[in-house]
Amino acid sequence: MVKIWVRLVREEKIAKSWIYTSEENWAPERFYGFVHDICSEMDLPTPLVLNKHISHFIEFNNAKFLPGDFVESFPYDFLVLENIV
């Protein structure tokens, strides 16, 4: 089971917060699917998921996506995904 605390930050304040849960087990190759599901649920564009995001999520239990990680317009300062299992 995967639980991820999702935070959208604008001007150093949490604009939106949500806890995403999935019955799937964690695996690095599934990370993009989790990110895609989260962004679909929050009606956001899906960012480019790079190896640095996956390795940071594995090592530090969080990943931070900046506006430059999105191809489409992203109205927040950053998106943070934090593993809370």
N, C-alpha and C. Protein backbone atom coordinates (compact mmCIF):
# COMPACT_ATOMS: atom_id res chain seq x y z
N MET A 1 0.84 -1.19 0.00
CA MET A 1 0.00 0.00 0.00
C MET A 1 0.88 1.25 0.00
N VAL A 2 0.45 2.24 -0.74
CA VAL A 2 1.19 3.49 -0.85
C VAL A 2 0.32 4.63 -0.33
N LYS A 3 0.90 5.48 0.51
CA LYS A 3 0.23 6.70 0.96
C LYS A 3 1.18 7.86 0.71
N ILE A 4 0.69 8.87 0.00
CA ILE A 4 1.52 10.02 -0.35
C ILE A 4 0.78 11.29 0.04
N TRP A 5 1.46 12.14 0.80
CA TRP A 5 0.91 13.45 1.16
C TRP A 5 1.28 14.41 0.04
N VAL A 6 0.28 14.96 -0.60
CA VAL A 6 0.45 15.86 -1.75
C VAL A 6 0.23 17.29 -1.28
N ARG A 7 1.20 18.17 -1.59
CA ARG A 7 1.07 19.58 -1.22
C ARG A 7 1.37 20.46 -2.42
N LEU A 8 0.47 21.40 -2.69
CA LEU A 8 0.68 22.42 -3.69
C LEU A 8 1.00 23.71 -2.96
N VAL A 9 2.14 24.30 -3.25
CA VAL A 9 2.61 25.47 -2.52
C VAL A 9 2.65 26.69 -3.43
N ARG A 10 2.13 27.79 -2.90
CA ARG A 10 2.16 29.07 -3.61
C ARG A 10 2.51 30.14 -2.58
N GLU A 11 3.52 30.94 -2.88
CA GLU A 11 3.98 32.03 -2.01
C GLU A 11 4.27 31.54 -0.59
N GLU A 12 4.99 30.43 -0.49
CA GLU A 12 5.44 29.84 0.77
C GLU A 12 4.31 29.37 1.68
N LYS A 13 3.12 29.15 1.12
CA LYS A 13 1.99 28.65 1.89
C LYS A 13 1.38 27.46 1.15
N ILE A 14 0.86 26.51 1.91
CA ILE A 14 0.21 25.36 1.30
C ILE A 14 -1.14 25.82 0.77
N ALA A 15 -1.29 25.79 -0.54
CA ALA A 15 -2.53 26.19 -1.19
C ALA A 15 -3.54 25.04 -1.20
N LYS A 16 -3.06 23.82 -1.42
CA LYS A 16 -3.90 22.62 -1.40
C LYS A 16 -3.10 21.48 -0.82
N SER A 17 -3.80 20.61 -0.11
CA SER A 17 -3.17 19.45 0.51
C SER A 17 -4.13 18.27 0.38
N TRP A 18 -3.56 17.10 0.16
CA TRP A 18 -4.39 15.91 -0.04
C TRP A 18 -3.54 14.67 0.24
N ILE A 19 -4.18 13.61 0.68
CA ILE A 19 -3.47 12.34 0.89
C ILE A 19 -3.96 11.35 -0.16
N TYR A 20 -3.03 10.90 -0.97
CA TYR A 20 -3.30 9.92 -2.02
C TYR A 20 -2.99 8.53 -1.48
N THR A 21 -3.89 7.60 -1.71
CA THR A 21 -3.64 6.21 -1.31
C THR A 21 -3.85 5.29 -2.51
N SER A 22 -3.07 4.24 -2.54
CA SER A 22 -3.18 3.23 -3.57
C SER A 22 -2.91 1.87 -2.94
N GLU A 23 -3.64 0.88 -3.38
CA GLU A 23 -3.46 -0.47 -2.86
C GLU A 23 -2.23 -1.15 -3.46
N GLU A 24 -1.68 -0.56 -4.52
CA GLU A 24 -0.48 -1.13 -5.14
C GLU A 24 0.72 -1.00 -4.21
N ASN A 25 1.64 -1.92 -4.31
CA ASN A 25 2.88 -1.83 -3.54
C ASN A 25 3.84 -0.87 -4.22
N TRP A 26 4.70 -0.26 -3.43
CA TRP A 26 5.67 0.70 -3.96
C TRP A 26 6.72 -0.03 -4.81
N ALA A 27 7.01 0.57 -5.94
CA ALA A 27 8.10 0.13 -6.81
C ALA A 27 8.50 1.35 -7.63
N PRO A 28 9.80 1.56 -7.83
CA PRO A 28 10.24 2.74 -8.59
C PRO A 28 9.61 2.86 -9.97
N GLU A 29 9.38 1.73 -10.64
CA GLU A 29 8.81 1.80 -11.98
C GLU A 29 7.33 2.20 -11.97
N ARG A 30 6.69 2.20 -10.81
CA ARG A 30 5.29 2.62 -10.70
C ARG A 30 5.15 4.09 -10.29
N PHE A 31 6.25 4.77 -10.01
CA PHE A 31 6.19 6.14 -9.51
C PHE A 31 5.48 7.07 -10.48
N TYR A 32 5.78 6.94 -11.78
CA TYR A 32 5.11 7.80 -12.76
C TYR A 32 3.59 7.60 -12.71
N GLY A 33 3.14 6.37 -12.56
CA GLY A 33 1.70 6.09 -12.47
C GLY A 33 1.06 6.76 -11.28
N PHE A 34 1.77 6.74 -10.13
CA PHE A 34 1.26 7.42 -8.94
C PHE A 34 1.16 8.93 -9.19
N VAL A 35 2.20 9.51 -9.78
CA VAL A 35 2.21 10.95 -10.07
C VAL A 35 1.09 11.29 -11.04
N HIS A 36 0.91 10.48 -12.05
CA HIS A 36 -0.16 10.72 -13.03
C HIS A 36 -1.54 10.66 -12.37
N ASP A 37 -1.77 9.66 -11.52
CA ASP A 37 -3.05 9.54 -10.81
C ASP A 37 -3.30 10.76 -9.92
N ILE A 38 -2.27 11.18 -9.20
CA ILE A 38 -2.39 12.33 -8.31
C ILE A 38 -2.76 13.58 -9.10
N CYS A 39 -2.05 13.83 -10.18
CA CYS A 39 -2.31 15.03 -10.99
C CYS A 39 -3.67 14.97 -11.65
N SER A 40 -4.11 13.80 -12.07
CA SER A 40 -5.44 13.67 -12.66
C SER A 40 -6.52 13.98 -11.63
N GLU A 41 -6.35 13.46 -10.43
CA GLU A 41 -7.33 13.71 -9.36
C GLU A 41 -7.40 15.19 -8.98
N MET A 42 -6.26 15.89 -9.05
CA MET A 42 -6.22 17.30 -8.65
C MET A 42 -6.39 18.24 -9.84
N ASP A 43 -6.68 17.68 -11.02
CA ASP A 43 -6.87 18.45 -12.25
C ASP A 43 -5.66 19.33 -12.55
N LEU A 44 -4.49 18.71 -12.53
CA LEU A 44 -3.22 19.38 -12.81
C LEU A 44 -2.54 18.69 -13.99
N PRO A 45 -1.68 19.41 -14.70
CA PRO A 45 -0.87 18.72 -15.72
C PRO A 45 0.11 17.77 -15.04
N THR A 46 0.46 16.71 -15.71
CA THR A 46 1.42 15.75 -15.16
C THR A 46 2.84 16.23 -15.48
N PRO A 47 3.71 16.30 -14.47
CA PRO A 47 5.08 16.76 -14.73
C PRO A 47 5.93 15.67 -15.37
N LEU A 48 7.08 16.07 -15.86
CA LEU A 48 8.06 15.10 -16.32
C LEU A 48 8.67 14.45 -15.08
N VAL A 49 8.67 13.16 -15.03
CA VAL A 49 9.24 12.45 -13.89
C VAL A 49 10.62 11.97 -14.30
N LEU A 50 11.63 12.55 -13.68
CA LEU A 50 13.02 12.23 -13.99
C LEU A 50 13.58 11.26 -12.95
N ASN A 51 14.71 10.68 -13.27
CA ASN A 51 15.37 9.77 -12.31
C ASN A 51 15.68 10.46 -11.00
N LYS A 52 15.98 11.77 -11.04
CA LYS A 52 16.28 12.49 -9.80
C LYS A 52 15.06 12.53 -8.88
N HIS A 53 13.85 12.64 -9.44
CA HIS A 53 12.64 12.64 -8.62
C HIS A 53 12.44 11.28 -7.95
N ILE A 54 12.64 10.22 -8.72
CA ILE A 54 12.47 8.88 -8.17
C ILE A 54 13.50 8.59 -7.10
N SER A 55 14.77 8.92 -7.36
CA SER A 55 15.81 8.64 -6.38
C SER A 55 15.63 9.49 -5.12
N HIS A 56 15.19 10.71 -5.27
CA HIS A 56 14.95 11.57 -4.10
C HIS A 56 13.79 11.02 -3.28
N PHE A 57 12.75 10.51 -3.95
CA PHE A 57 11.62 9.92 -3.25
C PHE A 57 12.05 8.67 -2.49
N ILE A 58 12.94 7.89 -3.07
CA ILE A 58 13.43 6.68 -2.42
C ILE A 58 14.33 7.02 -1.23
N GLU A 59 15.26 7.94 -1.42
CA GLU A 59 16.23 8.27 -0.37
C GLU A 59 15.67 9.13 0.75
N PHE A 60 14.84 10.12 0.40
CA PHE A 60 14.38 11.10 1.38
C PHE A 60 12.88 11.08 1.62
N ASN A 61 12.17 10.15 0.99
CA ASN A 61 10.72 10.01 1.13
C ASN A 61 9.93 11.22 0.63
N ASN A 62 10.52 12.02 -0.26
CA ASN A 62 9.75 13.10 -0.87
C ASN A 62 10.34 13.44 -2.23
N ALA A 63 9.51 14.08 -3.05
CA ALA A 63 9.93 14.55 -4.36
C ALA A 63 9.29 15.91 -4.59
N LYS A 64 10.06 16.82 -5.15
CA LYS A 64 9.58 18.19 -5.37
C LYS A 64 9.61 18.48 -6.87
N PHE A 65 8.48 18.92 -7.38
CA PHE A 65 8.35 19.26 -8.79
C PHE A 65 8.18 20.77 -8.92
N LEU A 66 9.06 21.41 -9.67
CA LEU A 66 9.03 22.85 -9.90
C LEU A 66 8.28 23.15 -11.19
N PRO A 67 7.88 24.40 -11.43
CA PRO A 67 7.17 24.73 -12.67
C PRO A 67 7.92 24.31 -13.93
N GLY A 68 9.24 24.29 -13.91
CA GLY A 68 10.02 23.87 -15.06
C GLY A 68 9.90 22.39 -15.37
N ASP A 69 9.38 21.61 -14.43
CA ASP A 69 9.18 20.17 -14.65
C ASP A 69 7.87 19.88 -15.39
N PHE A 70 7.06 20.91 -15.59
CA PHE A 70 5.78 20.76 -16.28
C PHE A 70 5.88 21.32 -17.68
N VAL A 71 5.31 20.64 -18.64
CA VAL A 71 5.27 21.12 -20.02
C VAL A 71 4.19 22.20 -20.15
N GLU A 72 3.06 21.97 -19.50
CA GLU A 72 1.96 22.92 -19.52
C GLU A 72 2.13 23.94 -18.39
N SER A 73 1.29 24.95 -18.41
CA SER A 73 1.32 25.98 -17.38
C SER A 73 0.99 25.36 -16.02
N PHE A 74 1.77 25.75 -15.01
CA PHE A 74 1.59 25.24 -13.65
C PHE A 74 1.45 26.45 -12.72
N PRO A 75 0.27 26.67 -12.13
CA PRO A 75 -0.01 27.90 -11.39
C PRO A 75 0.51 27.95 -9.95
N TYR A 76 1.37 27.03 -9.56
CA TYR A 76 1.89 26.99 -8.18
C TYR A 76 3.41 27.12 -8.21
N ASP A 77 4.00 27.38 -7.05
CA ASP A 77 5.46 27.48 -6.96
C ASP A 77 6.11 26.11 -7.05
N PHE A 78 5.49 25.10 -6.43
CA PHE A 78 5.97 23.73 -6.55
C PHE A 78 4.95 22.74 -6.02
N LEU A 79 5.16 21.49 -6.39
CA LEU A 79 4.36 20.36 -5.96
C LEU A 79 5.28 19.43 -5.17
N VAL A 80 4.86 19.06 -3.97
CA VAL A 80 5.67 18.17 -3.13
C VAL A 80 4.88 16.88 -2.88
N LEU A 81 5.53 15.76 -3.11
CA LEU A 81 4.96 14.46 -2.80
C LEU A 81 5.80 13.83 -1.70
N GLU A 82 5.15 13.48 -0.59
CA GLU A 82 5.88 12.92 0.55
C GLU A 82 5.29 11.58 0.95
N ASN A 83 6.14 10.57 1.03
CA ASN A 83 5.74 9.23 1.42
C ASN A 83 5.42 9.23 2.92
N ILE A 84 4.22 8.78 3.28
CA ILE A 84 3.85 8.80 4.70
C ILE A 84 3.50 7.42 5.26
N VAL A 85 4.05 6.38 4.64
CA VAL A 85 3.78 5.01 5.11
C VAL A 85 4.57 4.75 6.36
